[in-house]
All heavy atoms as atom14 arrays in JSON, in Angstrom:
{
  "sequence": "WNKYSREKLPFTFKQGSGEGNALGKFKFIFDNSSSIYLHDTNN",
  "atom14_mask": [
    [1, 1, 1, 1, 1, 1, 1, 1, 1, 1, 1, 1, 1, 1],
    [1, 1, 1, 1, 1, 1, 1, 1, 0, 0, 0, 0, 0, 0],
    [1, 1, 1, 1, 1, 1, 1, 1, 1, 0, 0, 0, 0, 0],
    [1, 1, 1, 1, 1, 1, 1, 1, 1, 1, 1, 1, 0, 0],
    [1, 1, 1, 1, 1, 1, 0, 0, 0, 0, 0, 0, 0, 0],
    [1, 1, 1, 1, 1, 1, 1, 1, 1, 1, 1, 0, 0, 0],
    [1, 1, 1, 1, 1, 1, 1, 1, 1, 0, 0, 0, 0, 0],
    [1, 1, 1, 1, 1, 1, 1, 1, 1, 0, 0, 0, 0, 0],
    [1, 1, 1, 1, 1, 1, 1, 1, 0, 0, 0, 0, 0, 0],
    [1, 1, 1, 1, 1, 1, 1, 0, 0, 0, 0, 0, 0, 0],
    [1, 1, 1, 1, 1, 1, 1, 1, 1, 1, 1, 0, 0, 0],
    [1, 1, 1, 1, 1, 1, 1, 0, 0, 0, 0, 0, 0, 0],
    [1, 1, 1, 1, 1, 1, 1, 1, 1, 1, 1, 0, 0, 0],
    [1, 1, 1, 1, 1, 1, 1, 1, 1, 0, 0, 0, 0, 0],
    [1, 1, 1, 1, 1, 1, 1, 1, 1, 0, 0, 0, 0, 0],
    [1, 1, 1, 1, 0, 0, 0, 0, 0, 0, 0, 0, 0, 0],
    [1, 1, 1, 1, 1, 1, 0, 0, 0, 0, 0, 0, 0, 0],
    [1, 1, 1, 1, 0, 0, 0, 0, 0, 0, 0, 0, 0, 0],
    [1, 1, 1, 1, 1, 1, 1, 1, 1, 0, 0, 0, 0, 0],
    [1, 1, 1, 1, 0, 0, 0, 0, 0, 0, 0, 0, 0, 0],
    [1, 1, 1, 1, 1, 1, 1, 1, 0, 0, 0, 0, 0, 0],
    [1, 1, 1, 1, 1, 0, 0, 0, 0, 0, 0, 0, 0, 0],
    [1, 1, 1, 1, 1, 1, 1, 1, 0, 0, 0, 0, 0, 0],
    [1, 1, 1, 1, 0, 0, 0, 0, 0, 0, 0, 0, 0, 0],
    [1, 1, 1, 1, 1, 1, 1, 1, 1, 0, 0, 0, 0, 0],
    [1, 1, 1, 1, 1, 1, 1, 1, 1, 1, 1, 0, 0, 0],
    [1, 1, 1, 1, 1, 1, 1, 1, 1, 0, 0, 0, 0, 0],
    [1, 1, 1, 1, 1, 1, 1, 1, 1, 1, 1, 0, 0, 0],
    [1, 1, 1, 1, 1, 1, 1, 1, 0, 0, 0, 0, 0, 0],
    [1, 1, 1, 1, 1, 1, 1, 1, 1, 1, 1, 0, 0, 0],
    [1, 1, 1, 1, 1, 1, 1, 1, 0, 0, 0, 0, 0, 0],
    [1, 1, 1, 1, 1, 1, 1, 1, 0, 0, 0, 0, 0, 0],
    [1, 1, 1, 1, 1, 1, 0, 0, 0, 0, 0, 0, 0, 0],
    [1, 1, 1, 1, 1, 1, 0, 0, 0, 0, 0, 0, 0, 0],
    [1, 1, 1, 1, 1, 1, 0, 0, 0, 0, 0, 0, 0, 0],
    [1, 1, 1, 1, 1, 1, 1, 1, 0, 0, 0, 0, 0, 0],
    [1, 1, 1, 1, 1, 1, 1, 1, 1, 1, 1, 1, 0, 0],
    [1, 1, 1, 1, 1, 1, 1, 1, 0, 0, 0, 0, 0, 0],
    [1, 1, 1, 1, 1, 1, 1, 1, 1, 1, 0, 0, 0, 0],
    [1, 1, 1, 1, 1, 1, 1, 1, 0, 0, 0, 0, 0, 0],
    [1, 1, 1, 1, 1, 1, 1, 0, 0, 0, 0, 0, 0, 0],
    [1, 1, 1, 1, 1, 1, 1, 1, 0, 0, 0, 0, 0, 0],
    [1, 1, 1, 1, 1, 1, 1, 1, 0, 0, 0, 0, 0, 0]
  ],
  "atom14_positions": [
    [[7.27, -18.81, -4.37], [6.55, -17.89, -5.26], [6.48, -18.39, -6.7], [5.56, -18.02, -7.44], [7.22, -16.52, -5.21], [7.11, -15.89, -3.86], [8.05, -15.87, -2.88], [5.96, -15.24, -3.32], [7.57, -15.24, -1.76], [6.29, -14.84, -2.01], [4.69, -14.96, -3.81], [5.39, -14.17, -1.19], [3.8, -14.28, -3.0], [4.14, -13.9, -1.7]],
    [[7.44, -19.21, -7.1], [7.43, -19.68, -8.49], [6.27, -20.63, -8.79], [5.99, -20.95, -9.94], [8.76, -20.36, -8.83], [9.06, -21.55, -7.94], [8.53, -21.65, -6.84], [9.92, -22.45, -8.4], [0.0, 0.0, 0.0], [0.0, 0.0, 0.0], [0.0, 0.0, 0.0], [0.0, 0.0, 0.0], [0.0, 0.0, 0.0], [0.0, 0.0, 0.0]],
    [[5.56, -21.04, -7.75], [4.4, -21.91, -7.94], [3.13, -21.12, -8.29], [2.11, -21.71, -8.64], [4.15, -22.75, -6.68], [5.21, -23.81, -6.41], [4.8, -24.66, -5.22], [5.81, -25.79, -4.98], [5.42, -26.64, -3.82], [0.0, 0.0, 0.0], [0.0, 0.0, 0.0], [0.0, 0.0, 0.0], [0.0, 0.0, 0.0], [0.0, 0.0, 0.0]],
    [[3.22, -19.79, -8.15], [2.04, -18.96, -8.35], [2.25, -18.02, -9.53], [3.32, -17.44, -9.69], [1.72, -18.15, -7.09], [1.52, -19.0, -5.86], [2.58, -19.23, -4.97], [0.3, -19.61, -5.6], [2.4, -20.02, -3.85], [0.12, -20.4, -4.48], [1.18, -20.6, -3.6], [1.0, -21.39, -2.49], [0.0, 0.0, 0.0], [0.0, 0.0, 0.0]],
    [[1.23, -17.87, -10.32], [1.3, -16.92, -11.43], [0.86, -15.55, -10.95], [0.02, -15.43, -10.04], [0.4, -17.37, -12.59], [-0.96, -17.29, -12.21], [0.0, 0.0, 0.0], [0.0, 0.0, 0.0], [0.0, 0.0, 0.0], [0.0, 0.0, 0.0], [0.0, 0.0, 0.0], [0.0, 0.0, 0.0], [0.0, 0.0, 0.0], [0.0, 0.0, 0.0]],
    [[1.4, -14.53, -11.56], [1.01, -13.16, -11.18], [-0.47, -12.9, -11.43], [-1.13, -12.19, -10.68], [1.83, -12.14, -11.97], [3.27, -12.03, -11.54], [3.88, -10.78, -12.11], [3.89, -10.78, -13.57], [3.84, -9.7, -14.32], [3.72, -8.52, -13.75], [3.88, -9.77, -15.64], [0.0, 0.0, 0.0], [0.0, 0.0, 0.0], [0.0, 0.0, 0.0]],
    [[-0.97, -13.47, -12.52], [-2.37, -13.22, -12.9], [-3.36, -13.74, -11.86], [-4.44, -13.18, -11.67], [-2.68, -13.87, -14.25], [-2.05, -13.17, -15.45], [-0.6, -13.57, -15.67], [-0.08, -14.38, -14.86], [0.01, -13.1, -16.63], [0.0, 0.0, 0.0], [0.0, 0.0, 0.0], [0.0, 0.0, 0.0], [0.0, 0.0, 0.0], [0.0, 0.0, 0.0]],
    [[-2.98, -14.82, -11.16], [-3.9, -15.43, -10.19], [-3.25, -15.5, -8.81], [-3.39, -16.51, -8.09], [-4.31, -16.81, -10.67], [-5.09, -16.79, -11.97], [-5.5, -18.19, -12.42], [-6.28, -18.15, -13.71], [-6.69, -19.51, -14.16], [0.0, 0.0, 0.0], [0.0, 0.0, 0.0], [0.0, 0.0, 0.0], [0.0, 0.0, 0.0], [0.0, 0.0, 0.0]],
    [[-2.58, -14.44, -8.44], [-1.9, -14.39, -7.15], [-2.94, -14.44, -6.03], [-3.79, -13.55, -5.93], [-1.08, -13.1, -7.07], [0.07, -13.05, -6.06], [1.1, -14.13, -6.35], [0.72, -11.67, -6.09], [0.0, 0.0, 0.0], [0.0, 0.0, 0.0], [0.0, 0.0, 0.0], [0.0, 0.0, 0.0], [0.0, 0.0, 0.0], [0.0, 0.0, 0.0]],
    [[-2.9, -15.45, -5.14], [-3.95, -15.6, -4.14], [-3.71, -14.81, -2.85], [-4.48, -14.94, -1.9], [-3.93, -17.1, -3.86], [-2.49, -17.48, -4.03], [-1.96, -16.6, -5.13], [0.0, 0.0, 0.0], [0.0, 0.0, 0.0], [0.0, 0.0, 0.0], [0.0, 0.0, 0.0], [0.0, 0.0, 0.0], [0.0, 0.0, 0.0], [0.0, 0.0, 0.0]],
    [[-2.65, -14.02, -2.81], [-2.27, -13.34, -1.58], [-2.6, -11.84, -1.65], [-2.66, -11.24, -2.72], [-0.77, -13.49, -1.32], [-0.3, -14.91, -1.34], [0.44, -15.4, -2.4], [-0.6, -15.77, -0.28], [0.88, -16.71, -2.43], [-0.17, -17.1, -0.3], [0.57, -17.57, -1.37], [0.0, 0.0, 0.0], [0.0, 0.0, 0.0], [0.0, 0.0, 0.0]],
    [[-2.8, -11.26, -0.46], [-2.86, -9.81, -0.32], [-1.73, -9.36, 0.59], [-1.22, -10.16, 1.39], [-4.21, -9.35, 0.26], [-4.44, -10.02, 1.51], [-5.35, -9.65, -0.7], [0.0, 0.0, 0.0], [0.0, 0.0, 0.0], [0.0, 0.0, 0.0], [0.0, 0.0, 0.0], [0.0, 0.0, 0.0], [0.0, 0.0, 0.0], [0.0, 0.0, 0.0]],
    [[-1.35, -8.1, 0.47], [-0.17, -7.61, 1.17], [-0.47, -6.3, 1.89], [-1.17, -5.44, 1.36], [0.97, -7.38, 0.17], [1.32, -8.59, -0.65], [0.61, -8.9, -1.8], [2.36, -9.43, -0.26], [0.93, -10.02, -2.57], [2.69, -10.55, -1.02], [1.97, -10.84, -2.17], [0.0, 0.0, 0.0], [0.0, 0.0, 0.0], [0.0, 0.0, 0.0]],
    [[0.11, -6.17, 3.09], [0.0, -4.93, 3.86], [1.37, -4.59, 4.45], [2.02, -5.46, 5.03], [-1.02, -5.06, 4.99], [-2.46, -5.27, 4.54], [-3.41, -5.33, 5.72], [-4.84, -5.53, 5.26], [-5.8, -5.53, 6.41], [0.0, 0.0, 0.0], [0.0, 0.0, 0.0], [0.0, 0.0, 0.0], [0.0, 0.0, 0.0], [0.0, 0.0, 0.0]],
    [[1.76, -3.34, 4.31], [3.01, -2.89, 4.92], [2.69, -2.21, 6.25], [1.89, -1.28, 6.3], [3.76, -1.93, 4.0], [5.15, -1.57, 4.52], [5.91, -0.69, 3.54], [5.36, 0.23, 2.97], [7.2, -0.97, 3.38], [0.0, 0.0, 0.0], [0.0, 0.0, 0.0], [0.0, 0.0, 0.0], [0.0, 0.0, 0.0], [0.0, 0.0, 0.0]],
    [[3.31, -2.71, 7.31], [3.02, -2.2, 8.64], [3.54, -0.8, 8.89], [4.33, -0.25, 8.12], [0.0, 0.0, 0.0], [0.0, 0.0, 0.0], [0.0, 0.0, 0.0], [0.0, 0.0, 0.0], [0.0, 0.0, 0.0], [0.0, 0.0, 0.0], [0.0, 0.0, 0.0], [0.0, 0.0, 0.0], [0.0, 0.0, 0.0], [0.0, 0.0, 0.0]],
    [[3.08, -0.21, 9.98], [3.52, 1.14, 10.37], [5.01, 1.16, 10.66], [5.59, 0.16, 11.09], [2.75, 1.57, 11.63], [1.36, 1.52, 11.43], [0.0, 0.0, 0.0], [0.0, 0.0, 0.0], [0.0, 0.0, 0.0], [0.0, 0.0, 0.0], [0.0, 0.0, 0.0], [0.0, 0.0, 0.0], [0.0, 0.0, 0.0], [0.0, 0.0, 0.0]],
    [[5.62, 2.31, 10.45], [7.03, 2.43, 10.79], [7.8, 3.28, 9.8], [7.24, 3.79, 8.82], [0.0, 0.0, 0.0], [0.0, 0.0, 0.0], [0.0, 0.0, 0.0], [0.0, 0.0, 0.0], [0.0, 0.0, 0.0], [0.0, 0.0, 0.0], [0.0, 0.0, 0.0], [0.0, 0.0, 0.0], [0.0, 0.0, 0.0], [0.0, 0.0, 0.0]],
    [[9.09, 3.39, 10.07], [9.94, 4.27, 9.27], [9.99, 3.88, 7.8], [10.09, 4.71, 6.93], [11.37, 4.29, 9.85], [11.48, 4.97, 11.2], [11.13, 6.45, 11.15], [11.4, 7.08, 10.11], [10.58, 6.96, 12.13], [0.0, 0.0, 0.0], [0.0, 0.0, 0.0], [0.0, 0.0, 0.0], [0.0, 0.0, 0.0], [0.0, 0.0, 0.0]],
    [[9.95, 2.59, 7.52], [10.09, 2.15, 6.13], [8.8, 2.17, 5.34], [8.82, 1.86, 4.14], [0.0, 0.0, 0.0], [0.0, 0.0, 0.0], [0.0, 0.0, 0.0], [0.0, 0.0, 0.0], [0.0, 0.0, 0.0], [0.0, 0.0, 0.0], [0.0, 0.0, 0.0], [0.0, 0.0, 0.0], [0.0, 0.0, 0.0], [0.0, 0.0, 0.0]],
    [[7.7, 2.51, 5.98], [6.41, 2.49, 5.29], [6.39, 3.48, 4.14], [6.81, 4.64, 4.28], [5.28, 2.81, 6.28], [3.91, 2.59, 5.67], [3.44, 3.39, 4.89], [3.29, 1.49, 6.05], [0.0, 0.0, 0.0], [0.0, 0.0, 0.0], [0.0, 0.0, 0.0], [0.0, 0.0, 0.0], [0.0, 0.0, 0.0], [0.0, 0.0, 0.0]],
    [[5.9, 3.03, 2.98], [5.9, 3.87, 1.78], [5.04, 5.11, 1.96], [5.23, 6.11, 1.26], [5.41, 3.05, 0.59], [0.0, 0.0, 0.0], [0.0, 0.0, 0.0], [0.0, 0.0, 0.0], [0.0, 0.0, 0.0], [0.0, 0.0, 0.0], [0.0, 0.0, 0.0], [0.0, 0.0, 0.0], [0.0, 0.0, 0.0], [0.0, 0.0, 0.0]],
    [[4.07, 5.08, 2.88], [3.2, 6.23, 3.11], [3.76, 7.19, 4.14], [3.13, 8.21, 4.45], [1.81, 5.76, 3.57], [1.09, 4.75, 2.67], [-0.3, 4.49, 3.2], [1.03, 5.24, 1.23], [0.0, 0.0, 0.0], [0.0, 0.0, 0.0], [0.0, 0.0, 0.0], [0.0, 0.0, 0.0], [0.0, 0.0, 0.0], [0.0, 0.0, 0.0]],
    [[4.94, 6.87, 4.69], [5.52, 7.74, 5.7], [4.74, 7.67, 6.99], [4.25, 6.61, 7.4], [0.0, 0.0, 0.0], [0.0, 0.0, 0.0], [0.0, 0.0, 0.0], [0.0, 0.0, 0.0], [0.0, 0.0, 0.0], [0.0, 0.0, 0.0], [0.0, 0.0, 0.0], [0.0, 0.0, 0.0], [0.0, 0.0, 0.0], [0.0, 0.0, 0.0]],
    [[4.56, 8.83, 7.63], [3.91, 8.86, 8.94], [2.47, 9.38, 8.91], [1.77, 9.31, 9.91], [4.73, 9.74, 9.9], [6.13, 9.2, 10.16], [6.9, 10.12, 11.08], [8.31, 9.57, 11.35], [9.1, 10.46, 12.24], [0.0, 0.0, 0.0], [0.0, 0.0, 0.0], [0.0, 0.0, 0.0], [0.0, 0.0, 0.0], [0.0, 0.0, 0.0]],
    [[2.04, 9.9, 7.74], [0.72, 10.51, 7.68], [-0.01, 10.13, 6.39], [0.58, 10.11, 5.31], [0.81, 12.04, 7.74], [1.49, 12.58, 8.96], [2.84, 12.9, 8.92], [0.79, 12.76, 10.14], [3.48, 13.4, 10.03], [1.44, 13.26, 11.27], [2.78, 13.59, 11.21], [0.0, 0.0, 0.0], [0.0, 0.0, 0.0], [0.0, 0.0, 0.0]],
    [[-1.28, 9.86, 6.56], [-2.16, 9.57, 5.42], [-3.42, 10.41, 5.6], [-4.09, 10.31, 6.63], [-2.49, 8.08, 5.39], [-3.44, 7.64, 4.29], [-3.69, 6.13, 4.41], [-4.69, 5.63, 3.41], [-4.96, 4.17, 3.57], [0.0, 0.0, 0.0], [0.0, 0.0, 0.0], [0.0, 0.0, 0.0], [0.0, 0.0, 0.0], [0.0, 0.0, 0.0]],
    [[-3.74, 11.22, 4.6], [-4.88, 12.14, 4.67], [-5.98, 11.61, 3.74], [-5.79, 11.52, 2.53], [-4.46, 13.55, 4.3], [-3.33, 14.07, 5.15], [-2.01, 13.95, 4.75], [-3.6, 14.66, 6.38], [-0.97, 14.41, 5.54], [-2.56, 15.13, 7.19], [-1.24, 15.0, 6.76], [0.0, 0.0, 0.0], [0.0, 0.0, 0.0], [0.0, 0.0, 0.0]],
    [[-7.1, 11.27, 4.33], [-8.1, 10.46, 3.65], [-9.34, 11.27, 3.27], [-9.81, 12.11, 4.04], [-8.49, 9.27, 4.54], [-7.24, 8.43, 4.87], [-9.55, 8.39, 3.88], [-7.47, 7.41, 5.96], [0.0, 0.0, 0.0], [0.0, 0.0, 0.0], [0.0, 0.0, 0.0], [0.0, 0.0, 0.0], [0.0, 0.0, 0.0], [0.0, 0.0, 0.0]],
    [[-9.87, 10.98, 2.08], [-11.13, 11.57, 1.61], [-11.81, 10.54, 0.73], [-11.16, 9.69, 0.1], [-10.89, 12.87, 0.84], [-9.77, 12.78, -0.17], [-9.99, 12.34, -1.46], [-8.47, 13.13, 0.19], [-8.96, 12.26, -2.39], [-7.42, 13.06, -0.72], [-7.68, 12.62, -2.02], [0.0, 0.0, 0.0], [0.0, 0.0, 0.0], [0.0, 0.0, 0.0]],
    [[-13.12, 10.59, 0.66], [-13.88, 9.62, -0.12], [-13.64, 9.83, -1.62], [-13.72, 10.95, -2.12], [-15.38, 9.75, 0.15], [-15.75, 9.32, 1.56], [-15.01, 8.51, 2.13], [-16.78, 9.79, 2.08], [0.0, 0.0, 0.0], [0.0, 0.0, 0.0], [0.0, 0.0, 0.0], [0.0, 0.0, 0.0], [0.0, 0.0, 0.0], [0.0, 0.0, 0.0]],
    [[-13.33, 8.74, -2.31], [-13.25, 8.75, -3.77], [-13.23, 7.32, -4.26], [-12.92, 6.4, -3.5], [-12.03, 9.52, -4.26], [-10.71, 8.86, -3.92], [-10.14, 8.13, -4.72], [-10.21, 9.1, -2.7], [0.0, 0.0, 0.0], [0.0, 0.0, 0.0], [0.0, 0.0, 0.0], [0.0, 0.0, 0.0], [0.0, 0.0, 0.0], [0.0, 0.0, 0.0]],
    [[-13.56, 7.13, -5.51], [-13.7, 5.78, -6.07], [-12.38, 5.18, -6.53], [-12.35, 4.03, -6.96], [-14.67, 5.82, -7.26], [-14.19, 6.68, -8.28], [0.0, 0.0, 0.0], [0.0, 0.0, 0.0], [0.0, 0.0, 0.0], [0.0, 0.0, 0.0], [0.0, 0.0, 0.0], [0.0, 0.0, 0.0], [0.0, 0.0, 0.0], [0.0, 0.0, 0.0]],
    [[-11.27, 5.94, -6.44], [-10.0, 5.47, -6.98], [-8.98, 5.11, -5.9], [-7.82, 4.83, -6.22], [-9.4, 6.55, -7.88], [-10.3, 6.91, -8.89], [0.0, 0.0, 0.0], [0.0, 0.0, 0.0], [0.0, 0.0, 0.0], [0.0, 0.0, 0.0], [0.0, 0.0, 0.0], [0.0, 0.0, 0.0], [0.0, 0.0, 0.0], [0.0, 0.0, 0.0]],
    [[-9.41, 5.13, -4.63], [-8.5, 4.85, -3.5], [-7.29, 5.78, -3.52], [-6.16, 5.38, -3.24], [-8.03, 3.38, -3.55], [-9.12, 2.5, -3.43], [0.0, 0.0, 0.0], [0.0, 0.0, 0.0], [0.0, 0.0, 0.0], [0.0, 0.0, 0.0], [0.0, 0.0, 0.0], [0.0, 0.0, 0.0], [0.0, 0.0, 0.0], [0.0, 0.0, 0.0]],
    [[-7.54, 7.04, -3.87], [-6.5, 8.07, -3.89], [-6.52, 8.81, -2.56], [-7.58, 9.06, -1.98], [-6.73, 9.05, -5.06], [-6.61, 8.32, -6.39], [-5.75, 10.22, -4.99], [-5.24, 7.76, -6.68], [0.0, 0.0, 0.0], [0.0, 0.0, 0.0], [0.0, 0.0, 0.0], [0.0, 0.0, 0.0], [0.0, 0.0, 0.0], [0.0, 0.0, 0.0]],
    [[-5.34, 9.18, -2.06], [-5.23, 9.97, -0.84], [-3.95, 10.78, -0.9], [-3.09, 10.56, -1.78], [-5.27, 9.08, 0.42], [-4.49, 7.8, 0.29], [-3.1, 7.76, 0.49], [-5.13, 6.61, -0.06], [-2.39, 6.58, 0.36], [-4.42, 5.42, -0.19], [-3.05, 5.42, 0.02], [-2.34, 4.25, -0.13], [0.0, 0.0, 0.0], [0.0, 0.0, 0.0]],
    [[-3.8, 11.72, 0.01], [-2.56, 12.47, 0.17], [-1.78, 11.82, 1.29], [-2.37, 11.36, 2.28], [-2.85, 13.93, 0.51], [-3.11, 14.91, -0.66], [-4.29, 14.47, -1.49], [-3.32, 16.33, -0.13], [0.0, 0.0, 0.0], [0.0, 0.0, 0.0], [0.0, 0.0, 0.0], [0.0, 0.0, 0.0], [0.0, 0.0, 0.0], [0.0, 0.0, 0.0]],
    [[-0.45, 11.77, 1.16], [0.31, 11.11, 2.21], [1.76, 11.61, 2.27], [2.28, 12.24, 1.34], [0.29, 9.58, 2.0], [0.98, 9.11, 0.76], [2.33, 8.8, 0.73], [0.52, 8.87, -0.49], [2.67, 8.39, -0.48], [1.59, 8.43, -1.25], [0.0, 0.0, 0.0], [0.0, 0.0, 0.0], [0.0, 0.0, 0.0], [0.0, 0.0, 0.0]],
    [[2.37, 11.3, 3.37], [3.8, 11.52, 3.6], [4.57, 10.49, 2.77], [3.98, 9.6, 2.14], [4.04, 11.33, 5.1], [5.47, 11.58, 5.53], [6.23, 12.21, 4.76], [5.84, 11.13, 6.63], [0.0, 0.0, 0.0], [0.0, 0.0, 0.0], [0.0, 0.0, 0.0], [0.0, 0.0, 0.0], [0.0, 0.0, 0.0], [0.0, 0.0, 0.0]],
    [[5.87, 10.57, 2.76], [6.69, 9.57, 2.08], [8.05, 9.49, 2.75], [8.53, 10.48, 3.32], [6.86, 9.9, 0.59], [7.73, 8.93, -0.02], [7.48, 11.28, 0.4], [0.0, 0.0, 0.0], [0.0, 0.0, 0.0], [0.0, 0.0, 0.0], [0.0, 0.0, 0.0], [0.0, 0.0, 0.0], [0.0, 0.0, 0.0], [0.0, 0.0, 0.0]],
    [[8.67, 8.32, 2.71], [10.04, 8.2, 3.22], [11.07, 8.49, 2.13], [12.26, 8.44, 2.38], [10.27, 6.82, 3.83], [9.86, 5.68, 2.89], [10.08, 5.76, 1.69], [9.23, 4.65, 3.45], [0.0, 0.0, 0.0], [0.0, 0.0, 0.0], [0.0, 0.0, 0.0], [0.0, 0.0, 0.0], [0.0, 0.0, 0.0], [0.0, 0.0, 0.0]],
    [[10.59, 8.77, 0.92], [11.47, 9.13, -0.19], [11.42, 10.64, -0.41], [10.73, 11.14, -1.3], [11.05, 8.39, -1.46], [11.91, 8.74, -2.65], [13.01, 9.28, -2.5], [11.41, 8.44, -3.85], [0.0, 0.0, 0.0], [0.0, 0.0, 0.0], [0.0, 0.0, 0.0], [0.0, 0.0, 0.0], [0.0, 0.0, 0.0], [0.0, 0.0, 0.0]]
  ]
}
C-alpha cells in the first residue's frame, strides 16, 4: 500500500455479506443522487 497515494488510489472496495458487514443484514433502497439509504448496523 505504501506504493500508492490516497489521492490516486486505483482500487475499489466491497465488503461481502455477513455478520461483520457495516450495513448489517438489511439495506432499504430509494432513488437519490447522494447514494443515501436506510440500513441495519452491527454497531
